[in-house]
Amino acid sequence: MISSEPAAIDSEVERPWIAPPPDAPIASAGKKSEASSDDPTLMRPIFFASRKPFEPPPQRATPPAPTARPPPIEPTLVVGGIVLTAKARRAYLRRPAEADGRWHETGQVIDGWTVAEIDRTGIVLEQADRRFSIQLYPTDLRAFRLERPSPRSRSLR
């Protein structure tokens, strides 16, 4: 059943809230409490899971022994071509197992080796105090070994 009488209205509810002036003094809720240094609640940090105060890790007594560097690996590259112009010096380099390579200019780094020089005979790579040269055409005559057909293979033709 619905009542036809108006509900009682509390005078506090209808009054809108008004912000206090910015220069008004802050009302204290009673006595002021100072945080004491021996308060057990304040001595345990709330942001650490262990609730123990932060302690830096102990310093190592001796520095770790330097690891032995592996012997430097010589680059395994093949010079496929060289282009020398007035504006640029470029070398086409590839790995022996790969069919495709890339063009490189002086100053570029390949596997930790810097292309130091490019001339008509080959390239020079540098790494720290080491230099390694790769020739465009090998000077070792064994690389140009010709195989002669055997007398047996001639008779089969």
N, C-alpha and C. Protein backbone atom coordinates (compact mmCIF):
# COMPACT_ATOMS: atom_id res chain seq x y z
N MET A 1 0.82 -1.15 0.00
CA MET A 1 0.00 0.00 0.00
C MET A 1 0.88 1.24 0.00
N ILE A 2 0.51 2.20 -0.76
CA ILE A 2 1.31 3.42 -0.90
C ILE A 2 0.69 4.50 -0.02
N SER A 3 1.56 5.14 0.72
CA SER A 3 1.11 6.19 1.62
C SER A 3 0.94 7.49 0.86
N SER A 4 -0.05 8.25 1.18
CA SER A 4 -0.28 9.52 0.52
C SER A 4 0.37 10.67 1.26
N GLU A 5 0.97 10.37 2.42
CA GLU A 5 1.61 11.42 3.19
C GLU A 5 3.03 11.64 2.69
N PRO A 6 3.44 12.90 2.66
CA PRO A 6 4.83 13.16 2.23
C PRO A 6 5.81 12.65 3.28
N ALA A 7 6.94 12.16 2.79
CA ALA A 7 7.96 11.64 3.70
C ALA A 7 8.64 12.78 4.42
N ALA A 8 9.11 12.51 5.62
CA ALA A 8 9.80 13.53 6.39
C ALA A 8 11.15 13.81 5.75
N ILE A 9 11.46 15.07 5.59
CA ILE A 9 12.71 15.47 4.96
C ILE A 9 13.63 16.02 6.03
N ASP A 10 14.81 15.48 6.08
CA ASP A 10 15.81 15.95 7.04
C ASP A 10 16.42 17.22 6.50
N SER A 11 16.51 18.22 7.33
CA SER A 11 17.04 19.50 6.88
C SER A 11 18.52 19.41 6.54
N GLU A 12 19.28 18.45 7.11
CA GLU A 12 20.71 18.30 6.83
C GLU A 12 20.94 17.74 5.43
N VAL A 13 20.04 16.93 4.93
CA VAL A 13 20.21 16.28 3.65
C VAL A 13 20.03 17.28 2.51
N GLU A 14 19.11 18.20 2.65
CA GLU A 14 18.82 19.11 1.56
C GLU A 14 19.84 20.22 1.42
N ARG A 15 20.60 20.52 2.44
CA ARG A 15 21.56 21.61 2.37
C ARG A 15 22.75 21.20 1.51
N PRO A 16 23.12 21.97 0.48
CA PRO A 16 24.27 21.61 -0.36
C PRO A 16 25.58 21.81 0.39
N TRP A 17 26.59 21.04 -0.03
CA TRP A 17 27.91 21.15 0.60
C TRP A 17 28.64 22.34 0.04
N ILE A 18 29.28 23.11 0.88
CA ILE A 18 30.05 24.30 0.47
C ILE A 18 31.48 24.09 0.94
N ALA A 19 32.44 24.30 0.02
CA ALA A 19 33.85 24.11 0.35
C ALA A 19 34.30 25.19 1.31
N PRO A 20 35.18 24.85 2.27
CA PRO A 20 35.69 25.88 3.19
C PRO A 20 36.65 26.81 2.44
N PRO A 21 36.82 28.02 2.94
CA PRO A 21 37.77 28.94 2.28
C PRO A 21 39.19 28.38 2.36
N PRO A 22 40.03 28.68 1.35
CA PRO A 22 41.37 28.09 1.33
C PRO A 22 42.27 28.53 2.48
N ASP A 23 42.01 29.69 3.06
CA ASP A 23 42.87 30.17 4.14
C ASP A 23 42.33 29.80 5.52
N ALA A 24 41.32 28.97 5.58
CA ALA A 24 40.74 28.56 6.87
C ALA A 24 41.71 27.62 7.58
N PRO A 25 41.83 27.70 8.91
CA PRO A 25 42.72 26.80 9.65
C PRO A 25 42.17 25.38 9.62
N ILE A 26 43.10 24.43 9.65
CA ILE A 26 42.72 23.02 9.61
C ILE A 26 42.35 22.60 11.02
N ALA A 27 41.18 22.00 11.12
CA ALA A 27 40.72 21.56 12.44
C ALA A 27 41.39 20.25 12.78
N SER A 28 41.95 20.16 13.96
CA SER A 28 42.58 18.91 14.37
C SER A 28 41.55 18.03 15.05
N ALA A 29 41.75 16.76 14.96
CA ALA A 29 40.79 15.81 15.52
C ALA A 29 41.05 15.56 16.99
N GLY A 30 41.85 16.32 17.57
CA GLY A 30 42.13 16.10 18.99
C GLY A 30 43.58 16.44 19.25
N LYS A 31 44.28 15.53 19.93
CA LYS A 31 45.66 15.80 20.27
C LYS A 31 46.58 15.50 19.08
N LYS A 32 47.69 16.19 19.01
CA LYS A 32 48.69 15.93 17.99
C LYS A 32 49.55 14.78 18.45
N SER A 33 49.84 13.86 17.52
CA SER A 33 50.69 12.74 17.90
C SER A 33 51.98 12.80 17.10
N GLU A 34 53.06 12.74 17.76
CA GLU A 34 54.37 12.72 17.14
C GLU A 34 54.78 11.27 16.93
N ALA A 35 55.38 10.97 15.80
CA ALA A 35 55.86 9.62 15.55
C ALA A 35 57.16 9.43 16.31
N SER A 36 57.18 8.43 17.14
CA SER A 36 58.40 8.17 17.90
C SER A 36 59.30 7.22 17.12
N SER A 37 60.58 7.34 17.33
CA SER A 37 61.53 6.53 16.58
C SER A 37 61.52 5.07 17.04
N ASP A 38 60.97 4.80 18.21
CA ASP A 38 60.94 3.42 18.69
C ASP A 38 59.57 2.77 18.49
N ASP A 39 58.72 3.37 17.70
CA ASP A 39 57.41 2.79 17.41
C ASP A 39 57.61 1.56 16.53
N PRO A 40 57.21 0.36 16.98
CA PRO A 40 57.47 -0.85 16.20
C PRO A 40 56.74 -0.86 14.86
N THR A 41 55.62 -0.17 14.78
CA THR A 41 54.89 -0.14 13.51
C THR A 41 55.67 0.65 12.46
N LEU A 42 56.25 1.75 12.86
CA LEU A 42 56.99 2.59 11.92
C LEU A 42 58.38 2.05 11.61
N MET A 43 58.89 1.19 12.47
CA MET A 43 60.23 0.66 12.25
C MET A 43 60.22 -0.43 11.18
N ARG A 44 59.08 -1.02 10.87
CA ARG A 44 58.99 -2.08 9.87
C ARG A 44 58.41 -1.49 8.60
N PRO A 45 59.17 -1.38 7.53
CA PRO A 45 58.68 -0.76 6.30
C PRO A 45 57.53 -1.56 5.70
N ILE A 46 56.53 -0.87 5.25
CA ILE A 46 55.34 -1.55 4.72
C ILE A 46 55.53 -1.99 3.27
N PHE A 47 56.53 -1.48 2.57
CA PHE A 47 56.69 -1.81 1.17
C PHE A 47 57.63 -3.00 0.92
N PHE A 48 58.20 -3.57 1.94
CA PHE A 48 59.03 -4.76 1.80
C PHE A 48 58.21 -5.96 2.27
N ALA A 49 58.24 -7.03 1.52
CA ALA A 49 57.47 -8.22 1.88
C ALA A 49 57.93 -8.79 3.21
N SER A 50 59.21 -8.71 3.49
CA SER A 50 59.72 -9.27 4.74
C SER A 50 59.47 -8.34 5.93
N ARG A 51 59.10 -7.10 5.65
CA ARG A 51 58.88 -6.07 6.67
C ARG A 51 60.13 -5.79 7.48
N LYS A 52 61.29 -6.11 6.90
CA LYS A 52 62.56 -5.80 7.55
C LYS A 52 63.17 -4.58 6.86
N PRO A 53 63.88 -3.73 7.59
CA PRO A 53 64.50 -2.57 6.96
C PRO A 53 65.50 -3.01 5.88
N PHE A 54 65.67 -2.16 4.89
CA PHE A 54 66.57 -2.45 3.78
C PHE A 54 68.01 -2.51 4.26
N GLU A 55 68.69 -3.54 3.81
CA GLU A 55 70.12 -3.66 4.07
C GLU A 55 70.80 -3.94 2.75
N PRO A 56 71.81 -3.15 2.39
CA PRO A 56 72.49 -3.40 1.12
C PRO A 56 73.21 -4.74 1.15
N PRO A 57 73.35 -5.39 0.01
CA PRO A 57 74.03 -6.69 -0.01
C PRO A 57 75.50 -6.52 0.37
N PRO A 58 76.07 -7.53 0.99
CA PRO A 58 77.48 -7.42 1.38
C PRO A 58 78.37 -7.35 0.14
N GLN A 59 79.45 -6.59 0.26
CA GLN A 59 80.37 -6.46 -0.86
C GLN A 59 81.25 -7.69 -0.94
N ARG A 60 81.62 -8.01 -2.17
CA ARG A 60 82.49 -9.17 -2.37
C ARG A 60 83.90 -8.84 -1.88
N ALA A 61 84.52 -9.83 -1.26
CA ALA A 61 85.86 -9.63 -0.72
C ALA A 61 86.89 -9.55 -1.85
N THR A 62 86.75 -10.41 -2.84
CA THR A 62 87.70 -10.39 -3.95
C THR A 62 86.93 -10.25 -5.26
N PRO A 63 87.47 -9.51 -6.20
CA PRO A 63 86.79 -9.39 -7.48
C PRO A 63 86.83 -10.73 -8.22
N PRO A 64 85.86 -11.00 -9.06
CA PRO A 64 85.87 -12.26 -9.79
C PRO A 64 87.07 -12.34 -10.73
N ALA A 65 87.56 -13.54 -10.91
CA ALA A 65 88.72 -13.74 -11.78
C ALA A 65 88.34 -13.42 -13.22
N PRO A 66 89.22 -12.74 -13.95
CA PRO A 66 88.89 -12.43 -15.34
C PRO A 66 88.79 -13.71 -16.16
N THR A 67 87.79 -13.76 -16.98
CA THR A 67 87.62 -14.94 -17.81
C THR A 67 88.61 -14.89 -18.96
N ALA A 68 89.11 -16.04 -19.30
CA ALA A 68 90.08 -16.10 -20.40
C ALA A 68 89.34 -15.87 -21.71
N ARG A 69 89.87 -14.95 -22.50
CA ARG A 69 89.24 -14.65 -23.78
C ARG A 69 89.57 -15.76 -24.76
N PRO A 70 88.58 -16.20 -25.50
CA PRO A 70 88.87 -17.22 -26.50
C PRO A 70 89.76 -16.64 -27.59
N PRO A 71 90.52 -17.48 -28.25
CA PRO A 71 91.39 -16.95 -29.29
C PRO A 71 90.55 -16.29 -30.38
N PRO A 72 91.03 -15.18 -30.93
CA PRO A 72 90.25 -14.49 -31.94
C PRO A 72 90.04 -15.36 -33.17
N ILE A 73 88.86 -15.27 -33.70
CA ILE A 73 88.51 -16.07 -34.87
C ILE A 73 88.74 -15.24 -36.12
N GLU A 74 89.45 -15.84 -37.07
CA GLU A 74 89.68 -15.12 -38.32
C GLU A 74 88.40 -15.16 -39.14
N PRO A 75 88.12 -14.06 -39.84
CA PRO A 75 86.88 -14.02 -40.61
C PRO A 75 86.94 -15.01 -41.78
N THR A 76 85.81 -15.62 -42.06
CA THR A 76 85.71 -16.52 -43.21
C THR A 76 84.78 -15.87 -44.21
N LEU A 77 85.35 -15.06 -45.05
CA LEU A 77 84.60 -14.36 -46.07
C LEU A 77 85.26 -14.57 -47.42
N VAL A 78 84.47 -14.41 -48.46
CA VAL A 78 84.96 -14.51 -49.83
C VAL A 78 84.68 -13.17 -50.50
N VAL A 79 85.70 -12.62 -51.15
CA VAL A 79 85.52 -11.38 -51.90
C VAL A 79 85.02 -11.77 -53.28
N GLY A 80 83.80 -11.35 -53.59
CA GLY A 80 83.19 -11.70 -54.87
C GLY A 80 83.39 -10.63 -55.93
N GLY A 81 83.69 -9.43 -55.54
CA GLY A 81 83.90 -8.35 -56.50
C GLY A 81 84.28 -7.07 -55.80
N ILE A 82 84.91 -6.17 -56.55
CA ILE A 82 85.34 -4.89 -56.02
C ILE A 82 84.98 -3.80 -57.02
N VAL A 83 84.44 -2.69 -56.53
CA VAL A 83 84.12 -1.54 -57.36
C VAL A 83 84.88 -0.35 -56.79
N LEU A 84 85.72 0.26 -57.63
CA LEU A 84 86.48 1.43 -57.23
C LEU A 84 86.06 2.59 -58.13
N THR A 85 85.49 3.64 -57.53
CA THR A 85 85.13 4.84 -58.26
C THR A 85 85.74 6.04 -57.55
N ALA A 86 85.55 7.19 -58.13
CA ALA A 86 86.07 8.40 -57.50
C ALA A 86 85.34 8.71 -56.19
N LYS A 87 84.09 8.28 -56.09
CA LYS A 87 83.30 8.59 -54.90
C LYS A 87 83.30 7.48 -53.85
N ALA A 88 83.45 6.22 -54.26
CA ALA A 88 83.30 5.13 -53.29
C ALA A 88 84.21 3.96 -53.63
N ARG A 89 84.50 3.19 -52.60
CA ARG A 89 85.21 1.92 -52.73
C ARG A 89 84.32 0.90 -52.05
N ARG A 90 83.90 -0.10 -52.83
CA ARG A 90 82.98 -1.10 -52.28
C ARG A 90 83.47 -2.49 -52.64
N ALA A 91 83.20 -3.43 -51.73
CA ALA A 91 83.58 -4.83 -51.96
C ALA A 91 82.36 -5.70 -51.71
N TYR A 92 82.15 -6.68 -52.59
CA TYR A 92 81.05 -7.62 -52.45
C TYR A 92 81.57 -8.81 -51.67
N LEU A 93 81.04 -9.00 -50.44
CA LEU A 93 81.53 -10.05 -49.56
C LEU A 93 80.41 -11.03 -49.25
N ARG A 94 80.78 -12.31 -49.16
CA ARG A 94 79.82 -13.35 -48.81
C ARG A 94 80.54 -14.41 -47.99
N ARG A 95 79.75 -15.22 -47.32
CA ARG A 95 80.32 -16.35 -46.58
C ARG A 95 80.47 -17.51 -47.56
N PRO A 96 81.43 -18.40 -47.34
CA PRO A 96 81.65 -19.49 -48.29
C PRO A 96 80.42 -20.39 -48.49
N ALA A 97 79.62 -20.59 -47.47
CA ALA A 97 78.47 -21.49 -47.58
C ALA A 97 77.24 -20.80 -48.17
N GLU A 98 77.29 -19.49 -48.34
CA GLU A 98 76.13 -18.75 -48.84
C GLU A 98 76.33 -18.36 -50.29
N ALA A 99 75.22 -18.30 -51.00
CA ALA A 99 75.28 -17.90 -52.41
C ALA A 99 75.21 -16.38 -52.56
N ASP A 100 74.47 -15.73 -51.68
CA ASP A 100 74.30 -14.28 -51.76
C ASP A 100 75.17 -13.59 -50.74
N GLY A 101 75.62 -12.40 -51.09
CA GLY A 101 76.43 -11.60 -50.18
C GLY A 101 75.88 -10.19 -50.10
N ARG A 102 76.72 -9.26 -49.65
CA ARG A 102 76.34 -7.85 -49.53
C ARG A 102 77.50 -6.98 -49.92
N TRP A 103 77.20 -5.78 -50.38
CA TRP A 103 78.22 -4.80 -50.68
C TRP A 103 78.59 -4.06 -49.41
N HIS A 104 79.89 -3.90 -49.18
CA HIS A 104 80.39 -3.21 -47.98
C HIS A 104 81.36 -2.12 -48.41
N GLU A 105 81.40 -1.05 -47.61
CA GLU A 105 82.32 0.06 -47.85
C GLU A 105 83.32 0.13 -46.70
N THR A 106 84.36 0.93 -46.87
CA THR A 106 85.34 1.07 -45.80
C THR A 106 84.67 1.70 -44.58
N GLY A 107 85.04 1.19 -43.42
CA GLY A 107 84.47 1.66 -42.17
C GLY A 107 83.34 0.81 -41.64
N GLN A 108 82.75 -0.04 -42.47
CA GLN A 108 81.66 -0.89 -41.99
C GLN A 108 82.22 -2.06 -41.18
N VAL A 109 81.41 -2.57 -40.25
CA VAL A 109 81.83 -3.65 -39.36
C VAL A 109 81.11 -4.93 -39.76
N ILE A 110 81.89 -6.02 -39.88
CA ILE A 110 81.36 -7.33 -40.21
C ILE A 110 81.89 -8.30 -39.17
N ASP A 111 81.00 -8.87 -38.36
CA ASP A 111 81.37 -9.85 -37.33
C ASP A 111 82.49 -9.34 -36.43
N GLY A 112 82.47 -8.07 -36.07
CA GLY A 112 83.49 -7.50 -35.20
C GLY A 112 84.74 -7.04 -35.92
N TRP A 113 84.83 -7.23 -37.22
CA TRP A 113 85.96 -6.80 -38.02
C TRP A 113 85.55 -5.56 -38.81
N THR A 114 86.40 -4.55 -38.85
CA THR A 114 86.13 -3.32 -39.58
C THR A 114 86.83 -3.37 -40.93
N VAL A 115 86.12 -3.01 -41.98
CA VAL A 115 86.72 -2.95 -43.31
C VAL A 115 87.62 -1.72 -43.33
N ALA A 116 88.93 -1.94 -43.31
CA ALA A 116 89.90 -0.85 -43.23
C ALA A 116 90.31 -0.34 -44.61
N GLU A 117 90.54 -1.23 -45.53
CA GLU A 117 91.01 -0.84 -46.86
C GLU A 117 90.34 -1.69 -47.92
N ILE A 118 90.11 -1.07 -49.07
CA ILE A 118 89.63 -1.79 -50.25
C ILE A 118 90.47 -1.29 -51.41
N ASP A 119 91.15 -2.20 -52.08
CA ASP A 119 91.90 -1.82 -53.28
C ASP A 119 91.60 -2.82 -54.39
N ARG A 120 92.32 -2.73 -55.49
CA ARG A 120 91.99 -3.55 -56.65
C ARG A 120 92.31 -5.03 -56.46
N THR A 121 93.13 -5.35 -55.46
CA THR A 121 93.51 -6.75 -55.25
C THR A 121 92.70 -7.45 -54.16
N GLY A 122 92.09 -6.69 -53.26
CA GLY A 122 91.34 -7.30 -52.17
C GLY A 122 90.99 -6.31 -51.09
N ILE A 123 90.73 -6.82 -49.90
CA ILE A 123 90.35 -5.97 -48.77
C ILE A 123 91.23 -6.28 -47.57
N VAL A 124 91.26 -5.34 -46.63
CA VAL A 124 91.96 -5.53 -45.37
C VAL A 124 90.96 -5.27 -44.25
N LEU A 125 90.84 -6.25 -43.34
CA LEU A 125 89.96 -6.12 -42.18
C LEU A 125 90.81 -5.89 -40.94
N GLU A 126 90.29 -5.08 -40.00
CA GLU A 126 91.00 -4.80 -38.75
C GLU A 126 90.10 -5.11 -37.57
N GLN A 127 90.76 -5.62 -36.51
CA GLN A 127 90.07 -5.86 -35.24
C GLN A 127 91.09 -5.63 -34.14
N ALA A 128 90.87 -4.61 -33.33
CA ALA A 128 91.80 -4.21 -32.28
C ALA A 128 93.16 -3.95 -32.91
N ASP A 129 94.16 -4.77 -32.63
CA ASP A 129 95.50 -4.56 -33.20
C ASP A 129 95.83 -5.58 -34.28
N ARG A 130 94.85 -6.29 -34.77
CA ARG A 130 95.08 -7.32 -35.79
C ARG A 130 94.60 -6.84 -37.14
N ARG A 131 95.29 -7.29 -38.19
CA ARG A 131 94.91 -7.01 -39.57
C ARG A 131 94.81 -8.32 -40.31
N PHE A 132 93.82 -8.44 -41.16
CA PHE A 132 93.59 -9.66 -41.92
C PHE A 132 93.22 -9.25 -43.34
N SER A 133 93.93 -9.79 -44.32
CA SER A 133 93.63 -9.41 -45.70
C SER A 133 93.01 -10.60 -46.43
N ILE A 134 92.06 -10.27 -47.31
CA ILE A 134 91.41 -11.27 -48.15
C ILE A 134 91.56 -10.78 -49.58
N GLN A 135 92.13 -11.63 -50.42
CA GLN A 135 92.39 -11.26 -51.81
C GLN A 135 91.20 -11.58 -52.69
N LEU A 136 91.03 -10.76 -53.73
CA LEU A 136 89.97 -11.01 -54.70
C LEU A 136 90.26 -12.27 -55.49
N TYR A 137 91.50 -12.40 -55.94
CA TYR A 137 91.94 -13.61 -56.64
C TYR A 137 93.07 -14.23 -55.83
N PRO A 138 92.95 -15.48 -55.46
CA PRO A 138 94.00 -16.12 -54.66
C PRO A 138 95.32 -16.15 -55.44
N THR A 139 96.40 -15.97 -54.72
CA THR A 139 97.72 -16.02 -55.34
C THR A 139 98.33 -17.41 -55.26
N ASP A 140 97.67 -18.30 -54.53
CA ASP A 140 98.16 -19.67 -54.41
C ASP A 140 97.81 -20.41 -55.70
N LEU A 141 98.81 -20.94 -56.37
CA LEU A 141 98.59 -21.60 -57.65
C LEU A 141 97.79 -22.89 -57.51
N ARG A 142 97.75 -23.47 -56.33
CA ARG A 142 96.96 -24.68 -56.13
C ARG A 142 95.46 -24.41 -56.30
N ALA A 143 95.07 -23.15 -56.14
CA ALA A 143 93.66 -22.80 -56.31
C ALA A 143 93.24 -22.90 -57.78
N PHE A 144 94.23 -22.79 -58.68
CA PHE A 144 93.93 -22.83 -60.11
C PHE A 144 94.33 -24.16 -60.73
N ARG A 145 94.28 -25.21 -59.96
CA ARG A 145 94.68 -26.53 -60.44
C ARG A 145 93.73 -26.99 -61.55
N LEU A 146 94.30 -27.37 -62.66
CA LEU A 146 93.51 -27.87 -63.78
C LEU A 146 93.51 -29.38 -63.73
N GLU A 147 92.37 -29.95 -63.92
CA GLU A 147 92.28 -31.40 -63.97
C GLU A 147 92.24 -31.81 -65.43
N ARG A 148 93.14 -32.69 -65.76
CA ARG A 148 93.19 -33.19 -67.14
C ARG A 148 92.32 -34.43 -67.23
N PRO A 149 91.60 -34.54 -68.30
CA PRO A 149 90.78 -35.74 -68.45
C PRO A 149 91.66 -36.97 -68.56
N SER A 150 91.24 -38.02 -67.97
CA SER A 150 91.99 -39.27 -68.04
C SER A 150 91.84 -39.89 -69.42
N PRO A 151 92.79 -40.72 -69.84
CA PRO A 151 92.68 -41.35 -71.17
C PRO A 151 91.44 -42.20 -71.28
N ARG A 152 90.99 -42.73 -70.17
CA ARG A 152 89.79 -43.55 -70.21
C ARG A 152 88.55 -42.74 -70.54
N SER A 153 88.44 -41.49 -69.95
CA SER A 153 87.26 -40.66 -70.21
C SER A 153 87.23 -40.18 -71.65
N ARG A 154 88.42 -40.09 -72.34
CA ARG A 154 88.44 -39.69 -73.76
C ARG A 154 87.88 -40.78 -74.63
N SER A 155 88.15 -42.01 -74.25
CA SER A 155 87.69 -43.13 -75.09
C SER A 155 86.19 -43.34 -74.98
N LEU A 156 85.57 -42.83 -73.90
CA LEU A 156 84.15 -43.02 -73.73
C LEU A 156 83.34 -42.04 -74.59
N ARG A 157 83.97 -41.05 -75.11
CA ARG A 157 83.22 -40.06 -75.90
C ARG A 157 82.93 -40.53 -77.24
